């Protein structure tokens, strides 16, 4: 079973968490001034990168709080977790197991 490190509760089983989408997406300041295409891009366009990706997670069956995580999408390995509002830590490539 995969363990995820909650910044508030410590390492817990993956069944306690829910994925919340890509992290560090800022809502546009003036919603009324956006075109429908710009609004659609904000709502739906995500980077979906292969490799290290910043994501938002929620510890639903624990403290209930949201946090951010760096996860390697090719290996499903969590590299770092950090509180929302903190700067993204430098990406550390996941180590490959021979």
PDB file of N, CA and C in Angstrom:
ATOM      1  N   UNK A   1       0.836  -1.171   0.000  1.00  0.00           N
ATOM      2  CA  UNK A   1       0.000   0.000   0.000  1.00  0.00           C
ATOM      3  C   UNK A   1       0.886   1.242   0.000  1.00  0.00           C
ATOM      4  N   UNK A   2       0.448   2.242  -0.737  1.00  0.00           N
ATOM      5  CA  UNK A   2       1.166   3.504  -0.846  1.00  0.00           C
ATOM      6  C   UNK A   2       0.908   4.355   0.394  1.00  0.00           C
ATOM      7  N   UNK A   3       1.969   4.905   0.961  1.00  0.00           N
ATOM      8  CA  UNK A   3       1.838   5.822   2.094  1.00  0.00           C
ATOM      9  C   UNK A   3       2.059   7.248   1.594  1.00  0.00           C
ATOM     10  N   UNK A   4       1.189   8.157   2.026  1.00  0.00           N
ATOM     11  CA  UNK A   4       1.296   9.571   1.674  1.00  0.00           C
ATOM     12  C   UNK A   4       1.580  10.337   2.953  1.00  0.00           C
ATOM     13  N   UNK A   5       2.550  11.224   2.892  1.00  0.00           N
ATOM     14  CA  UNK A   5       2.950  12.019   4.060  1.00  0.00           C
ATOM     15  C   UNK A   5       2.090  13.272   4.143  1.00  0.00           C
ATOM     16  N   UNK A   6       1.124  13.286   5.039  1.00  0.00           N
ATOM     17  CA  UNK A   6       0.318  14.485   5.295  1.00  0.00           C
ATOM     18  C   UNK A   6       1.176  15.447   6.098  1.00  0.00           C
ATOM     19  N   UNK A   7       1.281  16.715   5.689  1.00  0.00           N
ATOM     20  CA  UNK A   7       2.104  17.662   6.450  1.00  0.00           C
ATOM     21  C   UNK A   7       1.576  17.913   7.868  1.00  0.00           C
ATOM     22  N   UNK A   8       0.340  17.530   8.135  1.00  0.00           N
ATOM     23  CA  UNK A   8      -0.272  17.784   9.430  1.00  0.00           C
ATOM     24  C   UNK A   8      -0.358  16.528  10.307  1.00  0.00           C
ATOM     25  N   UNK A   9      -0.517  15.354   9.678  1.00  0.00           N
ATOM     26  CA  UNK A   9      -0.762  14.112  10.431  1.00  0.00           C
ATOM     27  C   UNK A   9       0.349  13.076  10.303  1.00  0.00           C
ATOM     28  N   UNK A  10       1.266  13.262   9.359  1.00  0.00           N
ATOM     29  CA  UNK A  10       2.308  12.265   9.136  1.00  0.00           C
ATOM     30  C   UNK A  10       1.902  11.272   8.054  1.00  0.00           C
ATOM     31  N   UNK A  11       2.656  10.192   7.941  1.00  0.00           N
ATOM     32  CA  UNK A  11       2.438   9.183   6.899  1.00  0.00           C
ATOM     33  C   UNK A  11       1.165   8.398   7.178  1.00  0.00           C
ATOM     34  N   UNK A  12       0.304   8.312   6.155  1.00  0.00           N
ATOM     35  CA  UNK A  12      -0.957   7.592   6.261  1.00  0.00           C
ATOM     36  C   UNK A  12      -1.198   6.816   4.973  1.00  0.00           C
ATOM     37  N   UNK A  13      -2.063   5.774   5.003  1.00  0.00           N
ATOM     38  CA  UNK A  13      -2.356   5.004   3.797  1.00  0.00           C
ATOM     39  C   UNK A  13      -3.099   5.841   2.754  1.00  0.00           C
ATOM     40  N   UNK A  14      -2.860   5.535   1.502  1.00  0.00           N
ATOM     41  CA  UNK A  14      -3.442   6.295   0.393  1.00  0.00           C
ATOM     42  C   UNK A  14      -4.967   6.326   0.416  1.00  0.00           C
ATOM     43  N   UNK A  15      -5.608   5.349   1.025  1.00  0.00           N
ATOM     44  CA  UNK A  15      -7.069   5.291   1.068  1.00  0.00           C
ATOM     45  C   UNK A  15      -7.681   6.452   1.844  1.00  0.00           C
ATOM     46  N   UNK A  16      -6.883   7.148   2.638  1.00  0.00           N
ATOM     47  CA  UNK A  16      -7.378   8.273   3.417  1.00  0.00           C
ATOM     48  C   UNK A  16      -7.378   9.586   2.634  1.00  0.00           C
ATOM     49  N   UNK A  17      -6.865   9.589   1.409  1.00  0.00           N
ATOM     50  CA  UNK A  17      -6.662  10.826   0.657  1.00  0.00           C
ATOM     51  C   UNK A  17      -7.488  10.858  -0.622  1.00  0.00           C
ATOM     52  N   UNK A  18      -7.759  12.085  -1.083  1.00  0.00           N
ATOM     53  CA  UNK A  18      -8.451  12.307  -2.350  1.00  0.00           C
ATOM     54  C   UNK A  18      -7.642  13.313  -3.161  1.00  0.00           C
ATOM     55  N   UNK A  19      -7.454  13.018  -4.431  1.00  0.00           N
ATOM     56  CA  UNK A  19      -6.744  13.905  -5.355  1.00  0.00           C
ATOM     57  C   UNK A  19      -7.599  15.141  -5.611  1.00  0.00           C
ATOM     58  N   UNK A  20      -6.979  16.322  -5.625  1.00  0.00           N
ATOM     59  CA  UNK A  20      -7.723  17.559  -5.807  1.00  0.00           C
ATOM     60  C   UNK A  20      -7.321  18.374  -7.019  1.00  0.00           C
ATOM     61  N   UNK A  21      -6.556  17.810  -7.937  1.00  0.00           N
ATOM     62  CA  UNK A  21      -6.187  18.526  -9.153  1.00  0.00           C
ATOM     63  C   UNK A  21      -4.799  19.142  -9.085  1.00  0.00           C
ATOM     64  N   UNK A  22      -4.484  19.879 -10.122  1.00  0.00           N
ATOM     65  CA  UNK A  22      -3.177  20.516 -10.231  1.00  0.00           C
ATOM     66  C   UNK A  22      -3.046  21.646  -9.210  1.00  0.00           C
ATOM     67  N   UNK A  23      -1.885  21.767  -8.610  1.00  0.00           N
ATOM     68  CA  UNK A  23      -1.637  22.807  -7.611  1.00  0.00           C
ATOM     69  C   UNK A  23      -1.178  24.100  -8.280  1.00  0.00           C
ATOM     70  N   UNK A  24      -1.227  25.172  -7.520  1.00  0.00           N
ATOM     71  CA  UNK A  24      -0.718  26.490  -7.915  1.00  0.00           C
ATOM     72  C   UNK A  24      -1.458  27.081  -9.119  1.00  0.00           C
ATOM     73  N   UNK A  25      -2.759  26.855  -9.203  1.00  0.00           N
ATOM     74  CA  UNK A  25      -3.583  27.467 -10.236  1.00  0.00           C
ATOM     75  C   UNK A  25      -4.257  28.688  -9.596  1.00  0.00           C
ATOM     76  N   UNK A  26      -3.941  29.877 -10.069  1.00  0.00           N
ATOM     77  CA  UNK A  26      -4.495  31.101  -9.493  1.00  0.00           C
ATOM     78  C   UNK A  26      -5.749  31.523 -10.263  1.00  0.00           C
ATOM     79  N   UNK A  27      -6.801  31.846  -9.522  1.00  0.00           N
ATOM     80  CA  UNK A  27      -8.038  32.321 -10.135  1.00  0.00           C
ATOM     81  C   UNK A  27      -7.780  33.706 -10.741  1.00  0.00           C
ATOM     82  N   UNK A  28      -8.294  33.951 -11.948  1.00  0.00           N
ATOM     83  CA  UNK A  28      -8.121  35.276 -12.552  1.00  0.00           C
ATOM     84  C   UNK A  28      -8.757  36.363 -11.680  1.00  0.00           C
ATOM     85  N   UNK A  29      -8.127  37.536 -11.645  1.00  0.00           N
ATOM     86  CA  UNK A  29      -8.581  38.619 -10.765  1.00  0.00           C
ATOM     87  C   UNK A  29      -9.925  39.209 -11.196  1.00  0.00           C
ATOM     88  N   UNK A  30     -10.115  39.460 -12.469  1.00  0.00           N
ATOM     89  CA  UNK A  30     -11.342  40.095 -12.949  1.00  0.00           C
ATOM     90  C   UNK A  30     -12.137  39.113 -13.799  1.00  0.00           C
ATOM     91  N   UNK A  31     -12.996  38.343 -13.154  1.00  0.00           N
ATOM     92  CA  UNK A  31     -13.775  37.324 -13.867  1.00  0.00           C
ATOM     93  C   UNK A  31     -14.640  37.913 -14.976  1.00  0.00           C
ATOM     94  N   UNK A  32     -15.219  39.100 -14.751  1.00  0.00           N
ATOM     95  CA  UNK A  32     -16.139  39.697 -15.714  1.00  0.00           C
ATOM     96  C   UNK A  32     -15.429  40.125 -16.996  1.00  0.00           C
ATOM     97  N   UNK A  33     -14.129  40.360 -16.923  1.00  0.00           N
ATOM     98  CA  UNK A  33     -13.383  40.820 -18.094  1.00  0.00           C
ATOM     99  C   UNK A  33     -12.858  39.681 -18.955  1.00  0.00           C
ATOM    100  N   UNK A  34     -13.079  38.437 -18.564  1.00  0.00           N
ATOM    101  CA  UNK A  34     -12.564  37.294 -19.320  1.00  0.00           C
ATOM    102  C   UNK A  34     -13.500  36.936 -20.466  1.00  0.00           C
ATOM    103  N   UNK A  35     -12.890  36.518 -21.549  1.00  0.00           N
ATOM    104  CA  UNK A  35     -13.694  35.982 -22.656  1.00  0.00           C
ATOM    105  C   UNK A  35     -14.097  34.552 -22.292  1.00  0.00           C
ATOM    106  N   UNK A  36     -15.094  33.998 -22.955  1.00  0.00           N
ATOM    107  CA  UNK A  36     -15.460  32.613 -22.675  1.00  0.00           C
ATOM    108  C   UNK A  36     -14.296  31.638 -22.889  1.00  0.00           C
ATOM    109  N   UNK A  37     -13.443  31.904 -23.869  1.00  0.00           N
ATOM    110  CA  UNK A  37     -12.282  31.049 -24.103  1.00  0.00           C
ATOM    111  C   UNK A  37     -11.272  31.119 -22.977  1.00  0.00           C
ATOM    112  N   UNK A  38     -11.050  32.309 -22.437  1.00  0.00           N
ATOM    113  CA  UNK A  38     -10.125  32.462 -21.316  1.00  0.00           C
ATOM    114  C   UNK A  38     -10.669  31.787 -20.057  1.00  0.00           C
ATOM    115  N   UNK A  39     -11.979  31.915 -19.828  1.00  0.00           N
ATOM    116  CA  UNK A  39     -12.596  31.274 -18.669  1.00  0.00           C
ATOM    117  C   UNK A  39     -12.518  29.754 -18.795  1.00  0.00           C
ATOM    118  N   UNK A  40     -12.781  29.230 -19.983  1.00  0.00           N
ATOM    119  CA  UNK A  40     -12.688  27.790 -20.216  1.00  0.00           C
ATOM    120  C   UNK A  40     -11.260  27.300 -20.015  1.00  0.00           C
ATOM    121  N   UNK A  41     -10.272  28.086 -20.447  1.00  0.00           N
ATOM    122  CA  UNK A  41      -8.874  27.698 -20.251  1.00  0.00           C
ATOM    123  C   UNK A  41      -8.536  27.635 -18.769  1.00  0.00           C
ATOM    124  N   UNK A  42      -9.041  28.596 -17.973  1.00  0.00           N
ATOM    125  CA  UNK A  42      -8.798  28.575 -16.534  1.00  0.00           C
ATOM    126  C   UNK A  42      -9.449  27.355 -15.894  1.00  0.00           C
ATOM    127  N   UNK A  43     -10.658  27.035 -16.288  1.00  0.00           N
ATOM    128  CA  UNK A  43     -11.384  25.922 -15.671  1.00  0.00           C
ATOM    129  C   UNK A  43     -10.846  24.549 -16.066  1.00  0.00           C
ATOM    130  N   UNK A  44     -10.454  24.379 -17.330  1.00  0.00           N
ATOM    131  CA  UNK A  44     -10.191  23.034 -17.830  1.00  0.00           C
ATOM    132  C   UNK A  44      -8.777  22.752 -18.307  1.00  0.00           C
ATOM    133  N   UNK A  45      -8.016  23.753 -18.710  1.00  0.00           N
ATOM    134  CA  UNK A  45      -6.680  23.501 -19.266  1.00  0.00           C
ATOM    135  C   UNK A  45      -5.684  23.244 -18.137  1.00  0.00           C
ATOM    136  N   UNK A  46      -5.099  22.081 -18.130  1.00  0.00           N
ATOM    137  CA  UNK A  46      -4.087  21.709 -17.144  1.00  0.00           C
ATOM    138  C   UNK A  46      -2.867  21.170 -17.874  1.00  0.00           C
ATOM    139  N   UNK A  47      -1.716  21.239 -17.206  1.00  0.00           N
ATOM    140  CA  UNK A  47      -0.468  20.859 -17.877  1.00  0.00           C
ATOM    141  C   UNK A  47      -0.352  19.354 -18.086  1.00  0.00           C
ATOM    142  N   UNK A  48      -0.810  18.529 -17.118  1.00  0.00           N
ATOM    143  CA  UNK A  48      -0.786  17.075 -17.246  1.00  0.00           C
ATOM    144  C   UNK A  48       0.579  16.561 -17.702  1.00  0.00           C
ATOM    145  N   UNK A  49       1.614  17.012 -17.029  1.00  0.00           N
ATOM    146  CA  UNK A  49       2.973  16.664 -17.419  1.00  0.00           C
ATOM    147  C   UNK A  49       3.331  15.239 -17.017  1.00  0.00           C
ATOM    148  N   UNK A  50       4.265  14.693 -17.729  1.00  0.00           N
ATOM    149  CA  UNK A  50       4.816  13.388 -17.384  1.00  0.00           C
ATOM    150  C   UNK A  50       6.066  13.649 -16.567  1.00  0.00           C
ATOM    151  N   UNK A  51       6.150  13.036 -15.412  1.00  0.00           N
ATOM    152  CA  UNK A  51       7.275  13.264 -14.517  1.00  0.00           C
ATOM    153  C   UNK A  51       6.799  13.959 -13.251  1.00  0.00           C
ATOM    154  N   UNK A  52       7.627  14.832 -12.698  1.00  0.00           N
ATOM    155  CA  UNK A  52       7.307  15.499 -11.435  1.00  0.00           C
ATOM    156  C   UNK A  52       6.228  16.555 -11.676  1.00  0.00           C
ATOM    157  N   UNK A  53       5.171  16.475 -10.890  1.00  0.00           N
ATOM    158  CA  UNK A  53       3.986  17.300 -11.083  1.00  0.00           C
ATOM    159  C   UNK A  53       3.504  17.804  -9.727  1.00  0.00           C
ATOM    160  N   UNK A  54       3.158  19.097  -9.623  1.00  0.00           N
ATOM    161  CA  UNK A  54       2.621  19.662  -8.377  1.00  0.00           C
ATOM    162  C   UNK A  54       1.113  19.437  -8.348  1.00  0.00           C
ATOM    163  N   UNK A  55       0.626  18.802  -7.285  1.00  0.00           N
ATOM    164  CA  UNK A  55      -0.780  18.436  -7.178  1.00  0.00           C
ATOM    165  C   UNK A  55      -1.343  18.890  -5.836  1.00  0.00           C
ATOM    166  N   UNK A  56      -2.663  19.021  -5.788  1.00  0.00           N
ATOM    167  CA  UNK A  56      -3.366  19.325  -4.535  1.00  0.00           C
ATOM    168  C   UNK A  56      -4.042  18.041  -4.072  1.00  0.00           C
ATOM    169  N   UNK A  57      -3.920  17.754  -2.782  1.00  0.00           N
ATOM    170  CA  UNK A  57      -4.530  16.572  -2.181  1.00  0.00           C
ATOM    171  C   UNK A  57      -5.302  16.981  -0.935  1.00  0.00           C
ATOM    172  N   UNK A  58      -6.260  16.154  -0.534  1.00  0.00           N
ATOM    173  CA  UNK A  58      -7.013  16.390   0.701  1.00  0.00           C
ATOM    174  C   UNK A  58      -6.990  15.132   1.545  1.00  0.00           C
ATOM    175  N   UNK A  59      -6.699  15.308   2.812  1.00  0.00           N
ATOM    176  CA  UNK A  59      -6.683  14.186   3.753  1.00  0.00           C
ATOM    177  C   UNK A  59      -8.107  14.027   4.306  1.00  0.00           C
ATOM    178  N   UNK A  60      -8.982  13.454   3.493  1.00  0.00           N
ATOM    179  CA  UNK A  60     -10.411  13.400   3.815  1.00  0.00           C
ATOM    180  C   UNK A  60     -10.726  12.539   5.030  1.00  0.00           C
ATOM    181  N   UNK A  61     -10.044  11.438   5.217  1.00  0.00           N
ATOM    182  CA  UNK A  61     -10.335  10.547   6.344  1.00  0.00           C
ATOM    183  C   UNK A  61      -9.362  10.746   7.501  1.00  0.00           C
ATOM    184  N   UNK A  62      -8.815  11.945   7.553  1.00  0.00           N
ATOM    185  CA  UNK A  62      -7.904  12.303   8.636  1.00  0.00           C
ATOM    186  C   UNK A  62      -8.252  13.701   9.105  1.00  0.00           C
ATOM    187  N   UNK A  63      -7.333  14.622   8.920  1.00  0.00           N
ATOM    188  CA  UNK A  63      -7.539  15.992   9.399  1.00  0.00           C
ATOM    189  C   UNK A  63      -8.488  16.791   8.508  1.00  0.00           C
ATOM    190  N   UNK A  64      -8.743  16.315   7.278  1.00  0.00           N
ATOM    191  CA  UNK A  64      -9.656  17.004   6.368  1.00  0.00           C
ATOM    192  C   UNK A  64      -9.048  18.198   5.656  1.00  0.00           C
ATOM    193  N   UNK A  65      -7.758  18.426   5.831  1.00  0.00           N
ATOM    194  CA  UNK A  65      -7.111  19.609   5.263  1.00  0.00           C
ATOM    195  C   UNK A  65      -6.517  19.328   3.894  1.00  0.00           C
ATOM    196  N   UNK A  66      -6.463  20.394   3.087  1.00  0.00           N
ATOM    197  CA  UNK A  66      -5.809  20.328   1.785  1.00  0.00           C
ATOM    198  C   UNK A  66      -4.324  20.597   1.951  1.00  0.00           C
ATOM    199  N   UNK A  67      -3.525  20.011   1.057  1.00  0.00           N
ATOM    200  CA  UNK A  67      -2.083  20.286   1.012  1.00  0.00           C
ATOM    201  C   UNK A  67      -1.613  20.039  -0.403  1.00  0.00           C
ATOM    202  N   UNK A  68      -0.406  20.474  -0.702  1.00  0.00           N
ATOM    203  CA  UNK A  68       0.191  20.262  -2.019  1.00  0.00           C
ATOM    204  C   UNK A  68       1.234  19.160  -1.933  1.00  0.00           C
ATOM    205  N   UNK A  69       1.456  18.516  -3.062  1.00  0.00           N
ATOM    206  CA  UNK A  69       2.453  17.447  -3.128  1.00  0.00           C
ATOM    207  C   UNK A  69       3.163  17.480  -4.471  1.00  0.00           C
ATOM    208  N   UNK A  70       4.427  17.117  -4.466  1.00  0.00           N
ATOM    209  CA  UNK A  70       5.154  16.852  -5.707  1.00  0.00           C
ATOM    210  C   UNK A  70       5.164  15.350  -5.887  1.00  0.00           C
ATOM    211  N   UNK A  71       4.646  14.897  -7.037  1.00  0.00           N
ATOM    212  CA  UNK A  71       4.553  13.469  -7.298  1.00  0.00           C
ATOM    213  C   UNK A  71       5.081  13.182  -8.687  1.00  0.00           C
ATOM    214  N   UNK A  72       5.860  12.129  -8.816  1.00  0.00           N
ATOM    215  CA  UNK A  72       6.340  11.681 -10.118  1.00  0.00           C
ATOM    216  C   UNK A  72       5.238  10.821 -10.728  1.00  0.00           C
ATOM    217  N   UNK A  73       4.635  11.304 -11.799  1.00  0.00           N
ATOM    218  CA  UNK A  73       3.502  10.600 -12.396  1.00  0.00           C
ATOM    219  C   UNK A  73       3.911   9.323 -13.134  1.00  0.00           C
ATOM    220  N   UNK A  74       5.187   9.158 -13.420  1.00  0.00           N
ATOM    221  CA  UNK A  74       5.619   7.932 -14.101  1.00  0.00           C
ATOM    222  C   UNK A  74       5.818   6.772 -13.132  1.00  0.00           C
ATOM    223  N   UNK A  75       6.142   7.089 -11.863  1.00  0.00           N
ATOM    224  CA  UNK A  75       6.390   6.029 -10.875  1.00  0.00           C
ATOM    225  C   UNK A  75       5.381   6.052  -9.726  1.00  0.00           C
ATOM    226  N   UNK A  76       4.529   7.086  -9.670  1.00  0.00           N
ATOM    227  CA  UNK A  76       3.551   7.288  -8.600  1.00  0.00           C
ATOM    228  C   UNK A  76       4.224   7.524  -7.252  1.00  0.00           C
ATOM    229  N   UNK A  77       5.463   7.970  -7.259  1.00  0.00           N
ATOM    230  CA  UNK A  77       6.207   8.220  -6.031  1.00  0.00           C
ATOM    231  C   UNK A  77       6.022   9.671  -5.594  1.00  0.00           C
ATOM    232  N   UNK A  78       5.678   9.872  -4.316  1.00  0.00           N
ATOM    233  CA  UNK A  78       5.571  11.211  -3.749  1.00  0.00           C
ATOM    234  C   UNK A  78       6.961  11.672  -3.359  1.00  0.00           C
ATOM    235  N   UNK A  79       7.355  12.837  -3.838  1.00  0.00           N
ATOM    236  CA  UNK A  79       8.688  13.370  -3.587  1.00  0.00           C
ATOM    237  C   UNK A  79       8.673  14.299  -2.386  1.00  0.00           C
ATOM    238  N   UNK A  80       7.633  15.125  -2.277  1.00  0.00           N
ATOM    239  CA  UNK A  80       7.514  16.074  -1.165  1.00  0.00           C
ATOM    240  C   UNK A  80       6.055  16.448  -0.978  1.00  0.00           C
ATOM    241  N   UNK A  81       5.687  16.771   0.258  1.00  0.00           N
ATOM    242  CA  UNK A  81       4.376  17.346   0.544  1.00  0.00           C
ATOM    243  C   UNK A  81       4.607  18.630   1.328  1.00  0.00           C
ATOM    244  N   UNK A  82       3.719  19.595   1.136  1.00  0.00           N
ATOM    245  CA  UNK A  82       3.876  20.890   1.790  1.00  0.00           C
ATOM    246  C   UNK A  82       2.524  21.576   1.891  1.00  0.00           C
ATOM    247  N   UNK A  83       2.419  22.497   2.857  1.00  0.00           N
ATOM    248  CA  UNK A  83       1.167  23.183   3.106  1.00  0.00           C
ATOM    249  C   UNK A  83       0.822  24.144   1.969  1.00  0.00           C
ATOM    250  N   UNK A  84      -0.467  24.341   1.748  1.00  0.00           N
ATOM    251  CA  UNK A  84      -0.923  25.313   0.759  1.00  0.00           C
ATOM    252  C   UNK A  84      -0.484  26.695   1.229  1.00  0.00           C
ATOM    253  N   UNK A  85       0.019  27.483   0.303  1.00  0.00           N
ATOM    254  CA  UNK A  85       0.540  28.806   0.634  1.00  0.00           C
ATOM    255  C   UNK A  85       2.050  28.828   0.716  1.00  0.00           C
ATOM    256  N   UNK A  86       2.663  27.675   0.914  1.00  0.00           N
ATOM    257  CA  UNK A  86       4.124  27.598   0.912  1.00  0.00           C
ATOM    258  C   UNK A  86       4.619  27.514  -0.524  1.00  0.00           C
ATOM    259  N   UNK A  87       5.837  27.959  -0.736  1.00  0.00           N
ATOM    260  CA  UNK A  87       6.439  27.877  -2.062  1.00  0.00           C
ATOM    261  C   UNK A  87       6.695  26.423  -2.439  1.00  0.00           C
ATOM    262  N   UNK A  88       6.618  26.157  -3.723  1.00  0.00           N
ATOM    263  CA  UNK A  88       6.898  24.811  -4.218  1.00  0.00           C
ATOM    264  C   UNK A  88       8.367  24.491  -3.974  1.00  0.00           C
ATOM    265  N   UNK A  89       8.642  23.340  -3.340  1.00  0.00           N
ATOM    266  CA  UNK A  89      10.052  22.978  -3.125  1.00  0.00           C
ATOM    267  C   UNK A  89      10.721  22.636  -4.455  1.00  0.00           C
ATOM    268  N   UNK A  90      12.038  22.734  -4.500  1.00  0.00           N
ATOM    269  CA  UNK A  90      12.728  22.369  -5.743  1.00  0.00           C
ATOM    270  C   UNK A  90      12.443  20.917  -6.100  1.00  0.00           C
ATOM    271  N   UNK A  91      12.270  20.676  -7.368  1.00  0.00           N
ATOM    272  CA  UNK A  91      11.993  19.310  -7.830  1.00  0.00           C
ATOM    273  C   UNK A  91      13.233  18.435  -7.682  1.00  0.00           C
ATOM    274  N   UNK A  92      13.053  17.339  -7.035  1.00  0.00           N
ATOM    275  CA  UNK A  92      14.117  16.358  -6.891  1.00  0.00           C
ATOM    276  C   UNK A  92      13.687  15.148  -7.717  1.00  0.00           C
ATOM    277  N   UNK A  93      14.440  14.788  -8.744  1.00  0.00           N
ATOM    278  CA  UNK A  93      14.013  13.648  -9.547  1.00  0.00           C
ATOM    279  C   UNK A  93      13.904  12.386  -8.721  1.00  0.00           C
ATOM    280  N   UNK A  94      12.886  11.605  -8.979  1.00  0.00           N
ATOM    281  CA  UNK A  94      12.698  10.338  -8.295  1.00  0.00           C
ATOM    282  C   UNK A  94      13.829   9.386  -8.664  1.00  0.00           C
ATOM    283  N   UNK A  95      14.288   8.607  -7.699  1.00  0.00           N
ATOM    284  CA  UNK A  95      15.346   7.659  -7.971  1.00  0.00           C
ATOM    285  C   UNK A  95      14.766   6.411  -8.627  1.00  0.00           C
ATOM    286  N   UNK A  96      15.418   5.965  -9.665  1.00  0.00           N
ATOM    287  CA  UNK A  96      14.996   4.771 -10.384  1.00  0.00           C
ATOM    288  C   UNK A  96      15.530   3.543  -9.672  1.00  0.00           C
ATOM    289  N   UNK A  97      14.693   2.565  -9.493  1.00  0.00           N
ATOM    290  CA  UNK A  97      15.092   1.312  -8.853  1.00  0.00           C
ATOM    291  C   UNK A  97      15.513   0.344  -9.954  1.00  0.00           C
ATOM    292  N   UNK A  98      16.740  -0.168  -9.892  1.00  0.00           N
ATOM    293  CA  UNK A  98      17.201  -1.062 -10.979  1.00  0.00           C
ATOM    294  C   UNK A  98      16.448  -2.380 -11.000  1.00  0.00           C
TER     295      UNK A  98
END
